[in-house]
Amino acid sequence: MSKRAITKADILPLDEYIKVRKQRHADLIAQKKLRRIEIGPVATCYFENYDTMLHQVQEMLYIEKGGDEQIADELRAYNPMIPNGTELTATVMFEIDDPIRRKNFLSRLGGVEETMYFRFAGHEVMGKPEEDVDRTNADGKASSVQFIHFPFTAEQIAAFKSADQVMVGFKHDAYGHIAVLSDASRDALAADFD
């Protein structure tokens, strides 16, 4: 069974982390490659797990050098994105380099966080946005970064693991795109379930 939460005991002290940082990053690349899914021209989903979130926490501590005082804040921020055994979780990024084009695009994307789904073997699992903050502002502009949870039933988990085809996409009027997961990506995500 996968670990479901990062604790302070899991965090390497900064001087130890610096010694293994390059190797840890290299080790994570292969895992992250299977967990990165592009949907349409500008959306990239990074399906998170314990390893990706531990790396993120360690990197934040490395970059900001906040010491022990920073650890609690990082754990509070990143632990909710570790799948709980009956869900998948994704960080979704709408990546547009040009600031004007990005602003115009995101202003038409309000509510996109409510439209993401998985479809497989006759099942559909709708995503639920992380509830920490609203990801669409009062003017209807979506955030370029979204955090989505996909809660599965036991029946859906079993179907997902054996599905011939798994699709993930958005039903938004301004961004109705879909991607088909490779078998290797499906298997990597299936490992997040108990």
N, C-alpha and C. Protein backbone atom coordinates (compact mmCIF):
# COMPACT_ATOMS: atom_id res chain seq x y z
N MET A 1 0.84 -1.19 0.00
CA MET A 1 0.00 0.00 0.00
C MET A 1 0.89 1.25 0.00
N SER A 2 0.50 2.24 -0.76
CA SER A 2 1.25 3.49 -0.84
C SER A 2 1.08 4.31 0.42
N LYS A 3 2.07 5.15 0.68
CA LYS A 3 1.96 6.08 1.81
C LYS A 3 0.94 7.16 1.45
N ARG A 4 0.18 7.58 2.43
CA ARG A 4 -0.91 8.53 2.20
C ARG A 4 -0.67 9.92 2.75
N ALA A 5 0.44 10.11 3.49
CA ALA A 5 0.74 11.42 4.05
C ALA A 5 2.23 11.54 4.31
N ILE A 6 2.74 12.73 4.12
CA ILE A 6 4.13 13.04 4.44
C ILE A 6 4.15 13.55 5.88
N THR A 7 5.09 13.05 6.67
CA THR A 7 5.27 13.54 8.03
C THR A 7 6.63 14.22 8.12
N LYS A 8 6.83 14.92 9.21
CA LYS A 8 8.11 15.59 9.42
C LYS A 8 9.25 14.58 9.38
N ALA A 9 9.00 13.36 9.85
CA ALA A 9 10.04 12.32 9.86
C ALA A 9 10.47 11.92 8.45
N ASP A 10 9.62 12.15 7.45
CA ASP A 10 9.95 11.82 6.06
C ASP A 10 10.86 12.85 5.40
N ILE A 11 10.97 14.02 5.99
CA ILE A 11 11.70 15.13 5.41
C ILE A 11 13.18 15.03 5.77
N LEU A 12 14.02 15.04 4.75
CA LEU A 12 15.46 15.04 4.99
C LEU A 12 15.91 16.44 5.41
N PRO A 13 16.82 16.53 6.36
CA PRO A 13 17.40 17.84 6.67
C PRO A 13 18.07 18.41 5.42
N LEU A 14 18.12 19.71 5.30
CA LEU A 14 18.60 20.38 4.09
C LEU A 14 19.98 19.89 3.67
N ASP A 15 20.91 19.76 4.61
CA ASP A 15 22.27 19.34 4.24
C ASP A 15 22.28 17.92 3.67
N GLU A 16 21.41 17.04 4.17
CA GLU A 16 21.32 15.68 3.62
C GLU A 16 20.62 15.69 2.26
N TYR A 17 19.58 16.50 2.13
CA TYR A 17 18.85 16.56 0.87
C TYR A 17 19.74 17.06 -0.26
N ILE A 18 20.58 18.04 0.02
CA ILE A 18 21.48 18.58 -1.00
C ILE A 18 22.35 17.48 -1.58
N LYS A 19 22.78 16.53 -0.75
CA LYS A 19 23.65 15.44 -1.20
C LYS A 19 22.94 14.47 -2.16
N VAL A 20 21.64 14.29 -2.00
CA VAL A 20 20.91 13.31 -2.81
C VAL A 20 19.94 13.96 -3.80
N ARG A 21 19.91 15.27 -3.85
CA ARG A 21 18.92 16.00 -4.64
C ARG A 21 18.95 15.60 -6.12
N LYS A 22 20.11 15.61 -6.74
CA LYS A 22 20.20 15.29 -8.17
C LYS A 22 19.72 13.87 -8.44
N GLN A 23 20.13 12.92 -7.61
CA GLN A 23 19.74 11.53 -7.82
C GLN A 23 18.24 11.35 -7.61
N ARG A 24 17.69 11.97 -6.59
CA ARG A 24 16.24 11.88 -6.34
C ARG A 24 15.46 12.43 -7.52
N HIS A 25 15.93 13.56 -8.04
CA HIS A 25 15.25 14.16 -9.19
C HIS A 25 15.30 13.21 -10.39
N ALA A 26 16.47 12.64 -10.64
CA ALA A 26 16.63 11.71 -11.76
C ALA A 26 15.73 10.48 -11.58
N ASP A 27 15.64 9.96 -10.36
CA ASP A 27 14.81 8.80 -10.08
C ASP A 27 13.33 9.08 -10.33
N LEU A 28 12.93 10.31 -10.09
CA LEU A 28 11.52 10.68 -10.21
C LEU A 28 11.09 10.94 -11.65
N ILE A 29 12.04 11.24 -12.52
CA ILE A 29 11.70 11.60 -13.91
C ILE A 29 10.92 10.50 -14.61
N ALA A 30 11.37 9.26 -14.51
CA ALA A 30 10.68 8.15 -15.19
C ALA A 30 9.26 7.99 -14.65
N GLN A 31 9.11 8.11 -13.34
CA GLN A 31 7.78 7.98 -12.73
C GLN A 31 6.87 9.12 -13.19
N LYS A 32 7.40 10.33 -13.20
CA LYS A 32 6.59 11.49 -13.58
C LYS A 32 6.20 11.45 -15.06
N LYS A 33 7.04 10.86 -15.89
CA LYS A 33 6.74 10.80 -17.32
C LYS A 33 5.43 10.04 -17.56
N LEU A 34 5.20 8.97 -16.82
CA LEU A 34 3.97 8.19 -16.97
C LEU A 34 2.77 8.90 -16.36
N ARG A 35 3.01 9.86 -15.48
CA ARG A 35 1.95 10.54 -14.75
C ARG A 35 1.62 11.91 -15.35
N ARG A 36 2.27 12.25 -16.45
CA ARG A 36 2.05 13.53 -17.13
C ARG A 36 1.22 13.27 -18.37
N ILE A 37 0.03 13.89 -18.43
CA ILE A 37 -0.89 13.68 -19.55
C ILE A 37 -1.25 15.05 -20.15
N GLU A 38 -1.01 15.21 -21.43
CA GLU A 38 -1.40 16.44 -22.12
C GLU A 38 -2.82 16.27 -22.65
N ILE A 39 -3.64 17.27 -22.38
CA ILE A 39 -5.03 17.26 -22.86
C ILE A 39 -5.23 18.51 -23.70
N GLY A 40 -5.38 18.33 -25.00
CA GLY A 40 -5.54 19.47 -25.89
C GLY A 40 -4.25 20.25 -26.01
N PRO A 41 -4.34 21.45 -26.59
CA PRO A 41 -3.14 22.21 -26.93
C PRO A 41 -2.41 22.87 -25.75
N VAL A 42 -3.11 23.14 -24.63
CA VAL A 42 -2.44 23.92 -23.57
C VAL A 42 -2.59 23.35 -22.16
N ALA A 43 -3.33 22.27 -21.97
CA ALA A 43 -3.52 21.73 -20.62
C ALA A 43 -2.61 20.52 -20.41
N THR A 44 -1.90 20.53 -19.29
CA THR A 44 -1.08 19.40 -18.90
C THR A 44 -1.48 18.99 -17.49
N CYS A 45 -1.75 17.70 -17.32
CA CYS A 45 -2.13 17.16 -16.02
C CYS A 45 -0.94 16.39 -15.45
N TYR A 46 -0.65 16.68 -14.20
CA TYR A 46 0.39 15.96 -13.48
C TYR A 46 -0.32 15.19 -12.37
N PHE A 47 -0.43 13.89 -12.53
CA PHE A 47 -1.11 13.09 -11.52
C PHE A 47 -0.14 12.84 -10.38
N GLU A 48 -0.57 13.27 -9.20
CA GLU A 48 0.31 13.29 -8.03
C GLU A 48 0.25 11.99 -7.25
N ASN A 49 1.29 11.75 -6.46
CA ASN A 49 1.31 10.66 -5.50
C ASN A 49 2.25 11.06 -4.36
N TYR A 50 2.49 10.14 -3.45
CA TYR A 50 3.34 10.44 -2.31
C TYR A 50 4.73 10.91 -2.77
N ASP A 51 5.32 10.22 -3.73
CA ASP A 51 6.68 10.55 -4.18
C ASP A 51 6.75 11.93 -4.81
N THR A 52 5.78 12.28 -5.65
CA THR A 52 5.82 13.60 -6.30
C THR A 52 5.61 14.72 -5.29
N MET A 53 4.77 14.48 -4.31
CA MET A 53 4.52 15.51 -3.30
C MET A 53 5.69 15.63 -2.32
N LEU A 54 6.32 14.50 -1.95
CA LEU A 54 7.50 14.57 -1.09
C LEU A 54 8.60 15.36 -1.79
N HIS A 55 8.79 15.11 -3.08
CA HIS A 55 9.78 15.86 -3.84
C HIS A 55 9.45 17.35 -3.84
N GLN A 56 8.17 17.67 -4.01
CA GLN A 56 7.76 19.08 -4.03
C GLN A 56 8.03 19.76 -2.68
N VAL A 57 7.71 19.06 -1.60
CA VAL A 57 7.96 19.61 -0.26
C VAL A 57 9.46 19.84 -0.06
N GLN A 58 10.26 18.82 -0.40
CA GLN A 58 11.71 18.96 -0.24
C GLN A 58 12.26 20.12 -1.07
N GLU A 59 11.74 20.28 -2.29
CA GLU A 59 12.19 21.36 -3.15
C GLU A 59 11.80 22.73 -2.58
N MET A 60 10.60 22.84 -2.06
CA MET A 60 10.18 24.11 -1.46
C MET A 60 11.08 24.46 -0.27
N LEU A 61 11.41 23.48 0.54
CA LEU A 61 12.29 23.72 1.68
C LEU A 61 13.70 24.08 1.21
N TYR A 62 14.15 23.46 0.13
CA TYR A 62 15.46 23.75 -0.45
C TYR A 62 15.51 25.17 -1.01
N ILE A 63 14.46 25.56 -1.73
CA ILE A 63 14.43 26.87 -2.39
C ILE A 63 14.24 27.99 -1.37
N GLU A 64 13.29 27.82 -0.46
CA GLU A 64 12.94 28.92 0.45
C GLU A 64 13.76 28.92 1.73
N LYS A 65 14.36 27.78 2.07
CA LYS A 65 15.24 27.66 3.24
C LYS A 65 14.58 28.18 4.52
N GLY A 66 13.30 27.81 4.70
CA GLY A 66 12.56 28.26 5.87
C GLY A 66 12.74 27.40 7.10
N GLY A 67 13.47 26.29 6.96
CA GLY A 67 13.76 25.44 8.12
C GLY A 67 12.51 24.79 8.69
N ASP A 68 12.62 24.38 9.95
CA ASP A 68 11.53 23.68 10.63
C ASP A 68 10.24 24.48 10.65
N GLU A 69 10.35 25.80 10.70
CA GLU A 69 9.15 26.65 10.75
C GLU A 69 8.32 26.52 9.47
N GLN A 70 8.97 26.20 8.37
CA GLN A 70 8.29 26.11 7.08
C GLN A 70 7.63 24.75 6.86
N ILE A 71 8.12 23.72 7.54
CA ILE A 71 7.66 22.36 7.27
C ILE A 71 6.15 22.20 7.43
N ALA A 72 5.60 22.69 8.53
CA ALA A 72 4.16 22.52 8.78
C ALA A 72 3.33 23.13 7.65
N ASP A 73 3.72 24.30 7.17
CA ASP A 73 2.99 24.95 6.07
C ASP A 73 3.05 24.11 4.80
N GLU A 74 4.21 23.56 4.50
CA GLU A 74 4.36 22.76 3.28
C GLU A 74 3.54 21.47 3.38
N LEU A 75 3.55 20.83 4.53
CA LEU A 75 2.76 19.62 4.72
C LEU A 75 1.27 19.91 4.59
N ARG A 76 0.83 21.03 5.14
CA ARG A 76 -0.57 21.43 5.03
C ARG A 76 -0.95 21.70 3.57
N ALA A 77 -0.02 22.25 2.80
CA ALA A 77 -0.30 22.58 1.40
C ALA A 77 -0.29 21.35 0.50
N TYR A 78 0.63 20.42 0.72
CA TYR A 78 0.84 19.34 -0.24
C TYR A 78 0.23 18.00 0.15
N ASN A 79 0.04 17.73 1.43
CA ASN A 79 -0.55 16.44 1.81
C ASN A 79 -1.93 16.19 1.21
N PRO A 80 -2.79 17.20 1.08
CA PRO A 80 -4.11 16.94 0.49
C PRO A 80 -4.06 16.41 -0.95
N MET A 81 -2.94 16.61 -1.64
CA MET A 81 -2.84 16.16 -3.03
C MET A 81 -2.29 14.74 -3.15
N ILE A 82 -2.00 14.08 -2.04
CA ILE A 82 -1.59 12.68 -2.09
C ILE A 82 -2.86 11.84 -2.14
N PRO A 83 -3.03 10.99 -3.16
CA PRO A 83 -4.26 10.19 -3.27
C PRO A 83 -4.49 9.35 -2.01
N ASN A 84 -5.77 9.27 -1.60
CA ASN A 84 -6.11 8.60 -0.33
C ASN A 84 -6.39 7.11 -0.46
N GLY A 85 -6.20 6.55 -1.65
CA GLY A 85 -6.44 5.12 -1.86
C GLY A 85 -7.70 4.83 -2.66
N THR A 86 -8.63 5.80 -2.68
CA THR A 86 -9.85 5.65 -3.46
C THR A 86 -10.04 6.82 -4.42
N GLU A 87 -8.96 7.50 -4.73
CA GLU A 87 -9.03 8.66 -5.63
C GLU A 87 -7.74 8.79 -6.42
N LEU A 88 -7.82 9.58 -7.47
CA LEU A 88 -6.65 10.08 -8.17
C LEU A 88 -6.64 11.59 -7.97
N THR A 89 -5.47 12.19 -7.98
CA THR A 89 -5.37 13.64 -7.81
C THR A 89 -4.46 14.20 -8.91
N ALA A 90 -4.79 15.38 -9.37
CA ALA A 90 -4.01 15.99 -10.45
C ALA A 90 -3.80 17.47 -10.22
N THR A 91 -2.61 17.92 -10.55
CA THR A 91 -2.33 19.34 -10.71
C THR A 91 -2.46 19.59 -12.20
N VAL A 92 -3.34 20.52 -12.56
CA VAL A 92 -3.59 20.82 -13.97
C VAL A 92 -3.06 22.22 -14.25
N MET A 93 -2.26 22.31 -15.31
CA MET A 93 -1.69 23.60 -15.68
C MET A 93 -2.09 23.96 -17.10
N PHE A 94 -2.62 25.16 -17.24
CA PHE A 94 -2.90 25.71 -18.57
C PHE A 94 -1.70 26.57 -18.92
N GLU A 95 -0.90 26.07 -19.86
CA GLU A 95 0.41 26.65 -20.12
C GLU A 95 0.40 27.43 -21.42
N ILE A 96 0.40 28.76 -21.29
CA ILE A 96 0.44 29.67 -22.43
C ILE A 96 1.49 30.72 -22.12
N ASP A 97 2.53 30.79 -22.93
CA ASP A 97 3.64 31.70 -22.65
C ASP A 97 3.28 33.17 -22.78
N ASP A 98 2.54 33.52 -23.81
CA ASP A 98 2.21 34.92 -24.06
C ASP A 98 1.21 35.43 -23.02
N PRO A 99 1.56 36.45 -22.24
CA PRO A 99 0.67 36.91 -21.15
C PRO A 99 -0.69 37.43 -21.62
N ILE A 100 -0.74 38.09 -22.76
CA ILE A 100 -2.01 38.63 -23.25
C ILE A 100 -2.91 37.49 -23.71
N ARG A 101 -2.33 36.57 -24.48
CA ARG A 101 -3.10 35.40 -24.94
C ARG A 101 -3.58 34.57 -23.75
N ARG A 102 -2.71 34.39 -22.75
CA ARG A 102 -3.06 33.62 -21.56
C ARG A 102 -4.25 34.27 -20.83
N LYS A 103 -4.18 35.59 -20.63
CA LYS A 103 -5.26 36.30 -19.92
C LYS A 103 -6.58 36.16 -20.68
N ASN A 104 -6.55 36.34 -22.00
CA ASN A 104 -7.76 36.22 -22.81
C ASN A 104 -8.32 34.79 -22.76
N PHE A 105 -7.44 33.80 -22.85
CA PHE A 105 -7.86 32.41 -22.81
C PHE A 105 -8.49 32.07 -21.47
N LEU A 106 -7.81 32.41 -20.38
CA LEU A 106 -8.31 32.07 -19.05
C LEU A 106 -9.60 32.81 -18.70
N SER A 107 -9.80 33.99 -19.29
CA SER A 107 -11.03 34.74 -19.03
C SER A 107 -12.26 34.03 -19.61
N ARG A 108 -12.06 33.12 -20.56
CA ARG A 108 -13.16 32.34 -21.13
C ARG A 108 -13.29 30.96 -20.50
N LEU A 109 -12.43 30.65 -19.54
CA LEU A 109 -12.33 29.28 -19.02
C LEU A 109 -12.95 29.12 -17.62
N GLY A 110 -13.67 30.11 -17.16
CA GLY A 110 -14.28 30.04 -15.83
C GLY A 110 -15.06 28.75 -15.61
N GLY A 111 -14.85 28.13 -14.45
CA GLY A 111 -15.56 26.89 -14.11
C GLY A 111 -14.96 25.63 -14.70
N VAL A 112 -13.83 25.74 -15.41
CA VAL A 112 -13.23 24.56 -16.03
C VAL A 112 -12.91 23.49 -15.00
N GLU A 113 -12.63 23.91 -13.76
CA GLU A 113 -12.28 22.95 -12.71
C GLU A 113 -13.44 22.01 -12.35
N GLU A 114 -14.64 22.38 -12.75
CA GLU A 114 -15.82 21.55 -12.48
C GLU A 114 -16.13 20.59 -13.63
N THR A 115 -15.35 20.64 -14.71
CA THR A 115 -15.72 19.89 -15.92
C THR A 115 -14.75 18.77 -16.28
N MET A 116 -13.76 18.50 -15.46
CA MET A 116 -12.77 17.48 -15.79
C MET A 116 -13.29 16.10 -15.39
N TYR A 117 -12.97 15.10 -16.21
CA TYR A 117 -13.52 13.76 -15.95
C TYR A 117 -12.60 12.67 -16.48
N PHE A 118 -12.81 11.46 -15.96
CA PHE A 118 -12.27 10.23 -16.52
C PHE A 118 -13.44 9.46 -17.12
N ARG A 119 -13.22 8.78 -18.24
CA ARG A 119 -14.23 7.91 -18.83
C ARG A 119 -13.55 6.60 -19.22
N PHE A 120 -14.16 5.48 -18.80
CA PHE A 120 -13.58 4.16 -19.05
C PHE A 120 -14.64 3.09 -18.79
N ALA A 121 -14.66 2.06 -19.60
CA ALA A 121 -15.49 0.86 -19.40
C ALA A 121 -16.92 1.18 -18.94
N GLY A 122 -17.55 2.17 -19.57
CA GLY A 122 -18.92 2.52 -19.23
C GLY A 122 -19.06 3.39 -17.98
N HIS A 123 -17.97 3.81 -17.39
CA HIS A 123 -17.99 4.65 -16.18
C HIS A 123 -17.50 6.05 -16.51
N GLU A 124 -17.99 7.00 -15.74
CA GLU A 124 -17.48 8.37 -15.80
C GLU A 124 -17.27 8.85 -14.37
N VAL A 125 -16.08 9.36 -14.10
CA VAL A 125 -15.74 9.89 -12.78
C VAL A 125 -15.45 11.38 -12.96
N MET A 126 -16.27 12.21 -12.37
CA MET A 126 -16.09 13.67 -12.46
C MET A 126 -15.09 14.12 -11.40
N GLY A 127 -14.25 15.06 -11.79
CA GLY A 127 -13.29 15.64 -10.87
C GLY A 127 -13.95 16.63 -9.93
N LYS A 128 -13.34 16.78 -8.77
CA LYS A 128 -13.79 17.77 -7.78
C LYS A 128 -12.60 18.66 -7.45
N PRO A 129 -12.75 19.97 -7.63
CA PRO A 129 -11.61 20.86 -7.37
C PRO A 129 -11.25 20.90 -5.88
N GLU A 130 -9.97 21.07 -5.62
CA GLU A 130 -9.50 21.28 -4.25
C GLU A 130 -10.24 22.49 -3.70
N GLU A 131 -10.66 22.42 -2.45
CA GLU A 131 -11.52 23.45 -1.89
C GLU A 131 -10.77 24.53 -1.12
N ASP A 132 -9.43 24.58 -1.26
CA ASP A 132 -8.66 25.56 -0.49
C ASP A 132 -8.98 27.00 -0.89
N VAL A 133 -9.14 27.25 -2.20
CA VAL A 133 -9.50 28.58 -2.70
C VAL A 133 -10.33 28.41 -3.96
N ASP A 134 -11.09 29.44 -4.31
CA ASP A 134 -11.82 29.41 -5.57
C ASP A 134 -10.82 29.53 -6.72
N ARG A 135 -10.95 28.67 -7.71
CA ARG A 135 -10.03 28.67 -8.85
C ARG A 135 -10.60 29.40 -10.04
N THR A 136 -11.80 29.96 -9.88
CA THR A 136 -12.37 30.88 -10.87
C THR A 136 -12.78 32.12 -10.11
N ASN A 137 -12.31 33.29 -10.57
CA ASN A 137 -12.63 34.51 -9.83
C ASN A 137 -14.02 35.03 -10.18
N ALA A 138 -14.43 36.10 -9.53
CA ALA A 138 -15.78 36.65 -9.70
C ALA A 138 -16.05 37.12 -11.13
N ASP A 139 -14.99 37.46 -11.87
CA ASP A 139 -15.14 37.89 -13.26
C ASP A 139 -15.19 36.72 -14.24
N GLY A 140 -15.11 35.48 -13.72
CA GLY A 140 -15.16 34.30 -14.58
C GLY A 140 -13.83 33.88 -15.16
N LYS A 141 -12.73 34.44 -14.64
CA LYS A 141 -11.40 34.07 -15.12
C LYS A 141 -10.89 32.89 -14.30
N ALA A 142 -10.47 31.84 -15.00
CA ALA A 142 -9.94 30.64 -14.34
C ALA A 142 -8.48 30.84 -13.99
N SER A 143 -8.05 30.17 -12.94
CA SER A 143 -6.64 30.14 -12.59
C SER A 143 -5.90 29.27 -13.61
N SER A 144 -4.64 29.58 -13.86
CA SER A 144 -3.85 28.76 -14.79
C SER A 144 -3.41 27.45 -14.14
N VAL A 145 -3.58 27.33 -12.82
CA VAL A 145 -3.26 26.10 -12.10
C VAL A 145 -4.49 25.64 -11.33
N GLN A 146 -4.85 24.38 -11.52
CA GLN A 146 -6.01 23.80 -10.85
C GLN A 146 -5.57 22.53 -10.11
N PHE A 147 -6.22 22.24 -9.00
CA PHE A 147 -5.94 21.02 -8.23
C PHE A 147 -7.24 20.22 -8.15
N ILE A 148 -7.22 19.02 -8.75
CA ILE A 148 -8.45 18.25 -8.94
C ILE A 148 -8.32 16.88 -8.28
N HIS A 149 -9.40 16.47 -7.59
CA HIS A 149 -9.51 15.13 -7.00
C HIS A 149 -10.56 14.35 -7.81
N PHE A 150 -10.29 13.07 -8.03
CA PHE A 150 -11.23 12.19 -8.74
C PHE A 150 -11.60 11.05 -7.79
N PRO A 151 -12.76 11.15 -7.12
CA PRO A 151 -13.17 10.09 -6.19
C PRO A 151 -13.78 8.90 -6.93
N PHE A 152 -13.28 7.71 -6.65
CA PHE A 152 -13.73 6.47 -7.30
C PHE A 152 -14.45 5.58 -6.30
N THR A 153 -15.44 4.84 -6.79
CA THR A 153 -16.05 3.77 -5.99
C THR A 153 -15.21 2.51 -6.18
N ALA A 154 -15.45 1.50 -5.37
CA ALA A 154 -14.73 0.22 -5.50
C ALA A 154 -14.97 -0.38 -6.89
N GLU A 155 -16.20 -0.29 -7.38
CA GLU A 155 -16.52 -0.83 -8.71
C GLU A 155 -15.75 -0.08 -9.80
N GLN A 156 -15.66 1.24 -9.66
CA GLN A 156 -14.95 2.05 -10.65
C GLN A 156 -13.44 1.76 -10.62
N ILE A 157 -12.90 1.54 -9.44
CA ILE A 157 -11.47 1.20 -9.33
C ILE A 157 -11.18 -0.09 -10.07
N ALA A 158 -12.00 -1.10 -9.84
CA ALA A 158 -11.81 -2.39 -10.51
C ALA A 158 -11.91 -2.23 -12.04
N ALA A 159 -12.88 -1.47 -12.50
CA ALA A 159 -13.07 -1.25 -13.94
C ALA A 159 -11.90 -0.46 -14.53
N PHE A 160 -11.42 0.54 -13.80
CA PHE A 160 -10.29 1.36 -14.26
C PHE A 160 -9.06 0.48 -14.48
N LYS A 161 -8.79 -0.40 -13.52
CA LYS A 161 -7.59 -1.24 -13.58
C LYS A 161 -7.58 -2.18 -14.77
N SER A 162 -8.76 -2.59 -15.23
CA SER A 162 -8.81 -3.56 -16.33
C SER A 162 -9.37 -2.97 -17.63
N ALA A 163 -9.63 -1.68 -17.66
CA ALA A 163 -10.24 -1.06 -18.84
C ALA A 163 -9.32 -1.14 -20.06
N ASP A 164 -9.91 -1.41 -21.22
CA ASP A 164 -9.15 -1.42 -22.47
C ASP A 164 -8.73 0.00 -22.85
N GLN A 165 -9.55 0.97 -22.49
CA GLN A 165 -9.24 2.35 -22.83
C GLN A 165 -9.69 3.27 -21.70
N VAL A 166 -8.79 4.17 -21.29
CA VAL A 166 -9.12 5.18 -20.28
C VAL A 166 -8.88 6.54 -20.90
N MET A 167 -9.91 7.40 -20.81
CA MET A 167 -9.81 8.75 -21.34
C MET A 167 -9.94 9.75 -20.20
N VAL A 168 -9.27 10.87 -20.35
CA VAL A 168 -9.40 11.96 -19.39
C VAL A 168 -9.58 13.24 -20.20
N GLY A 169 -10.48 14.11 -19.73
CA GLY A 169 -10.73 15.31 -20.52
C GLY A 169 -11.52 16.35 -19.78
N PHE A 170 -11.93 17.35 -20.55
CA PHE A 170 -12.73 18.47 -20.06
C PHE A 170 -14.01 18.57 -20.88
N LYS A 171 -15.11 18.93 -20.22
CA LYS A 171 -16.38 19.15 -20.91
C LYS A 171 -16.71 20.63 -21.05
N HIS A 172 -15.74 21.50 -20.82
CA HIS A 172 -15.98 22.94 -20.84
C HIS A 172 -16.25 23.41 -22.27
N ASP A 173 -17.22 24.34 -22.43
CA ASP A 173 -17.58 24.85 -23.75
C ASP A 173 -16.37 25.45 -24.48
N ALA A 174 -15.45 26.08 -23.74
CA ALA A 174 -14.29 26.72 -24.38
C ALA A 174 -13.07 25.81 -24.42
N TYR A 175 -13.19 24.62 -23.81
CA TYR A 175 -12.04 23.70 -23.81
C TYR A 175 -12.54 22.27 -23.70
N GLY A 176 -13.10 21.76 -24.79
CA GLY A 176 -13.65 20.41 -24.82
C GLY A 176 -12.66 19.43 -25.41
N HIS A 177 -11.60 19.15 -24.69
CA HIS A 177 -10.55 18.26 -25.19
C HIS A 177 -10.47 16.99 -24.35
N ILE A 178 -9.89 15.96 -24.97
CA ILE A 178 -9.81 14.64 -24.33
C ILE A 178 -8.47 13.99 -24.72
N ALA A 179 -7.96 13.15 -23.83
CA ALA A 179 -6.73 12.39 -24.12
C ALA A 179 -6.96 10.94 -23.72
N VAL A 180 -6.33 10.04 -24.44
CA VAL A 180 -6.38 8.62 -24.12
C VAL A 180 -5.08 8.26 -23.41
N LEU A 181 -5.20 7.63 -22.25
CA LEU A 181 -4.01 7.23 -21.50
C LEU A 181 -3.37 6.01 -22.15
N SER A 182 -2.06 5.98 -22.14
CA SER A 182 -1.36 4.77 -22.55
C SER A 182 -1.61 3.71 -21.48
N ASP A 183 -1.41 2.43 -21.83
CA ASP A 183 -1.57 1.37 -20.83
C ASP A 183 -0.59 1.58 -19.67
N ALA A 184 0.63 2.04 -19.98
CA ALA A 184 1.63 2.26 -18.93
C ALA A 184 1.19 3.38 -17.98
N SER A 185 0.60 4.43 -18.52
CA SER A 185 0.10 5.51 -17.65
C SER A 185 -1.09 5.04 -16.82
N ARG A 186 -1.99 4.30 -17.46
CA ARG A 186 -3.13 3.76 -16.71
C ARG A 186 -2.64 2.90 -15.54
N ASP A 187 -1.65 2.03 -15.80
CA ASP A 187 -1.13 1.16 -14.76
C ASP A 187 -0.44 1.96 -13.65
N ALA A 188 0.27 3.03 -14.02
CA ALA A 188 0.93 3.87 -13.01
C ALA A 188 -0.11 4.53 -12.11
N LEU A 189 -1.19 5.03 -12.70
CA LEU A 189 -2.24 5.66 -11.90
C LEU A 189 -3.01 4.62 -11.08
N ALA A 190 -3.22 3.45 -11.62
CA ALA A 190 -3.94 2.39 -10.90
C ALA A 190 -3.22 2.01 -9.62
N ALA A 191 -1.90 2.19 -9.61
CA ALA A 191 -1.12 1.88 -8.39
C ALA A 191 -1.44 2.82 -7.24
N ASP A 192 -2.13 3.93 -7.50
CA ASP A 192 -2.52 4.86 -6.45
C ASP A 192 -3.69 4.36 -5.62
N PHE A 193 -4.39 3.34 -6.13
CA PHE A 193 -5.53 2.78 -5.41
C PHE A 193 -5.06 1.70 -4.43
N ASP A 194 -5.81 1.56 -3.33
CA ASP A 194 -5.50 0.48 -2.37
C ASP A 194 -5.83 -0.86 -2.98
